[in-house]
Amino acid sequence: MATLLIVAAAALIDADGRVLLARRPQGKAMAGLWEFPGGKLDEGETPEEALVRELREELGIEAEAQCMAPVAFASSPAAGQHLLMPLFALRKWKGLARPLEHEALAWATPSALSDYDLAPADKPLAAQLRDLL
């Protein structure tokens, strides 16, 4: 039985309907691939609480859990574990997103999400999100 790894991800959607993607930095697993920002849940955290923390750490923005809406999820094997990644849409936050832990950020239209070299778990999320938006 595989260990379950829960990683929460956020689809930040700006006023123009574009979605934020972040490129993984060199030295990390899957370096250079694009992903939705987010991360692993700490002990006792809900996915929304983890996203509030991760968005502050990764992008320097302040988000509120009650402003997050679950829109999709990915479920796949990952390095001897099983990854479950809920994706939350977020249209309201405070601050300007900047790449504190990533190489770069990009605002992509929903139809252009598949043009990016996405991390494997993010690919089905991008397709689901494109269909919703």
Protein backbone atom coordinates (compact mmCIF):
# COMPACT_ATOMS: atom_id res chain seq x y z
CA MET A 1 0.00 0.00 0.00
CA ALA A 2 1.48 3.33 -1.08
CA THR A 3 1.85 6.26 1.27
CA LEU A 4 -0.56 9.05 0.40
CA LEU A 5 1.09 12.38 -0.31
CA ILE A 6 -1.30 15.34 -0.34
CA VAL A 7 -0.11 18.45 -2.15
CA ALA A 8 -2.43 21.46 -2.49
CA ALA A 9 -2.20 23.68 -5.57
CA ALA A 10 -3.66 27.07 -6.44
CA ALA A 11 -4.89 28.44 -9.74
CA LEU A 12 -4.55 32.17 -9.24
CA ILE A 13 -6.82 33.82 -11.80
CA ASP A 14 -6.33 37.51 -12.57
CA ALA A 15 -8.91 40.07 -13.72
CA ASP A 16 -8.14 39.18 -17.36
CA GLY A 17 -8.86 35.48 -16.77
CA ARG A 18 -5.20 34.45 -16.96
CA VAL A 19 -3.79 31.75 -14.68
CA LEU A 20 -0.46 31.95 -12.84
CA LEU A 21 2.15 29.27 -13.49
CA ALA A 22 5.51 28.97 -11.71
CA ARG A 23 8.69 27.33 -13.08
CA ARG A 24 10.47 24.96 -10.71
CA PRO A 25 14.02 26.09 -9.83
CA GLN A 26 17.28 24.33 -10.66
CA GLY A 27 18.37 21.88 -7.98
CA LYS A 28 14.80 20.74 -7.23
CA ALA A 29 12.98 17.70 -8.57
CA MET A 30 11.46 18.42 -11.99
CA ALA A 31 13.56 21.59 -12.37
CA GLY A 32 12.48 23.78 -15.25
CA LEU A 33 8.93 22.40 -15.43
CA TRP A 34 5.94 24.65 -14.89
CA GLU A 35 3.41 24.07 -12.12
CA PHE A 36 0.56 25.61 -10.23
CA PRO A 37 1.97 27.12 -7.01
CA GLY A 38 1.38 25.27 -3.75
CA GLY A 39 2.96 22.51 -1.75
CA LYS A 40 2.78 19.68 0.74
CA LEU A 41 0.51 19.85 3.74
CA ASP A 42 2.25 20.14 7.09
CA GLU A 43 1.03 17.94 9.95
CA GLY A 44 -2.48 19.00 10.96
CA GLU A 45 -2.99 21.46 8.08
CA THR A 46 -5.98 21.53 5.78
CA PRO A 47 -5.28 22.00 2.06
CA GLU A 48 -6.54 25.59 2.31
CA GLU A 49 -4.30 26.37 5.31
CA ALA A 50 -1.33 24.88 3.45
CA LEU A 51 -2.06 27.10 0.44
CA VAL A 52 -2.26 30.25 2.58
CA ARG A 53 1.20 29.38 3.96
CA GLU A 54 2.70 28.24 0.65
CA LEU A 55 1.46 31.26 -1.31
CA ARG A 56 3.03 33.56 1.29
CA GLU A 57 6.34 31.62 1.18
CA GLU A 58 6.51 31.06 -2.60
CA LEU A 59 4.91 34.21 -4.01
CA GLY A 60 4.84 36.76 -1.19
CA ILE A 61 1.06 37.18 -1.39
CA GLU A 62 -1.64 36.97 1.26
CA ALA A 63 -4.63 34.76 0.55
CA GLU A 64 -7.62 33.76 2.66
CA ALA A 65 -8.88 30.19 2.87
CA GLN A 66 -12.52 31.24 2.48
CA CYS A 67 -11.68 32.77 -0.94
CA MET A 68 -10.47 29.41 -2.32
CA ALA A 69 -12.82 27.18 -4.32
CA PRO A 70 -11.92 23.56 -5.14
CA VAL A 71 -12.10 23.06 -8.90
CA ALA A 72 -10.16 19.89 -9.80
CA PHE A 73 -7.80 17.24 -8.47
CA ALA A 74 -5.07 14.94 -9.72
CA SER A 75 -4.39 11.44 -8.44
CA SER A 76 -1.28 9.57 -9.58
CA PRO A 77 1.65 7.42 -8.46
CA ALA A 78 4.77 9.44 -7.60
CA ALA A 79 8.12 8.00 -6.49
CA GLY A 80 6.81 5.14 -4.33
CA GLN A 81 3.95 7.26 -3.00
CA HIS A 82 0.51 8.15 -4.28
CA LEU A 83 -0.03 11.84 -4.98
CA LEU A 84 -3.39 13.45 -4.40
CA MET A 85 -3.38 17.09 -5.49
CA PRO A 86 -6.49 19.23 -5.08
CA LEU A 87 -6.52 22.41 -7.18
CA PHE A 88 -8.21 25.50 -5.75
CA ALA A 89 -9.22 28.54 -7.80
CA LEU A 90 -8.32 31.86 -6.24
CA ARG A 91 -9.37 35.20 -7.70
CA LYS A 92 -8.67 37.44 -4.71
CA TRP A 93 -5.39 37.98 -2.85
CA LYS A 94 -3.28 40.81 -1.48
CA GLY A 95 0.12 41.73 -2.88
CA LEU A 96 1.96 41.29 -6.14
CA ALA A 97 3.01 37.70 -6.91
CA ARG A 98 6.77 37.38 -7.31
CA PRO A 99 8.99 34.28 -7.70
CA LEU A 100 10.49 33.89 -4.22
CA GLU A 101 11.10 30.13 -4.62
CA HIS A 102 10.70 29.67 -8.38
CA GLU A 103 12.81 30.60 -11.42
CA ALA A 104 9.99 32.51 -13.09
CA LEU A 105 6.27 33.20 -13.13
CA ALA A 106 3.97 33.40 -16.15
CA TRP A 107 0.37 34.48 -16.59
CA ALA A 108 -1.23 32.18 -19.17
CA THR A 109 -4.63 32.19 -20.78
CA PRO A 110 -6.56 28.96 -20.11
CA SER A 111 -6.18 27.91 -23.75
CA ALA A 112 -2.38 28.40 -23.55
CA LEU A 113 -1.81 26.28 -20.42
CA SER A 114 -0.96 23.24 -22.54
CA ASP A 115 1.77 25.25 -24.32
CA TYR A 116 3.89 25.11 -21.14
CA ASP A 117 6.10 22.15 -20.20
CA LEU A 118 4.05 21.21 -17.14
CA ALA A 119 5.00 18.88 -14.31
CA PRO A 120 3.22 15.50 -14.81
CA ALA A 121 0.67 15.97 -12.01
CA ASP A 122 -0.20 19.46 -13.25
CA LYS A 123 -1.08 18.38 -16.81
CA PRO A 124 -4.51 16.90 -15.99
CA LEU A 125 -5.23 19.86 -13.71
CA ALA A 126 -4.49 22.30 -16.54
CA ALA A 127 -6.84 20.41 -18.87
CA GLN A 128 -9.63 20.37 -16.27
CA LEU A 129 -9.12 24.04 -15.49
CA ARG A 130 -9.10 25.01 -19.18
CA ASP A 131 -12.47 23.27 -19.61
CA LEU A 132 -13.94 25.09 -16.58
CA LEU A 133 -12.72 28.54 -17.57
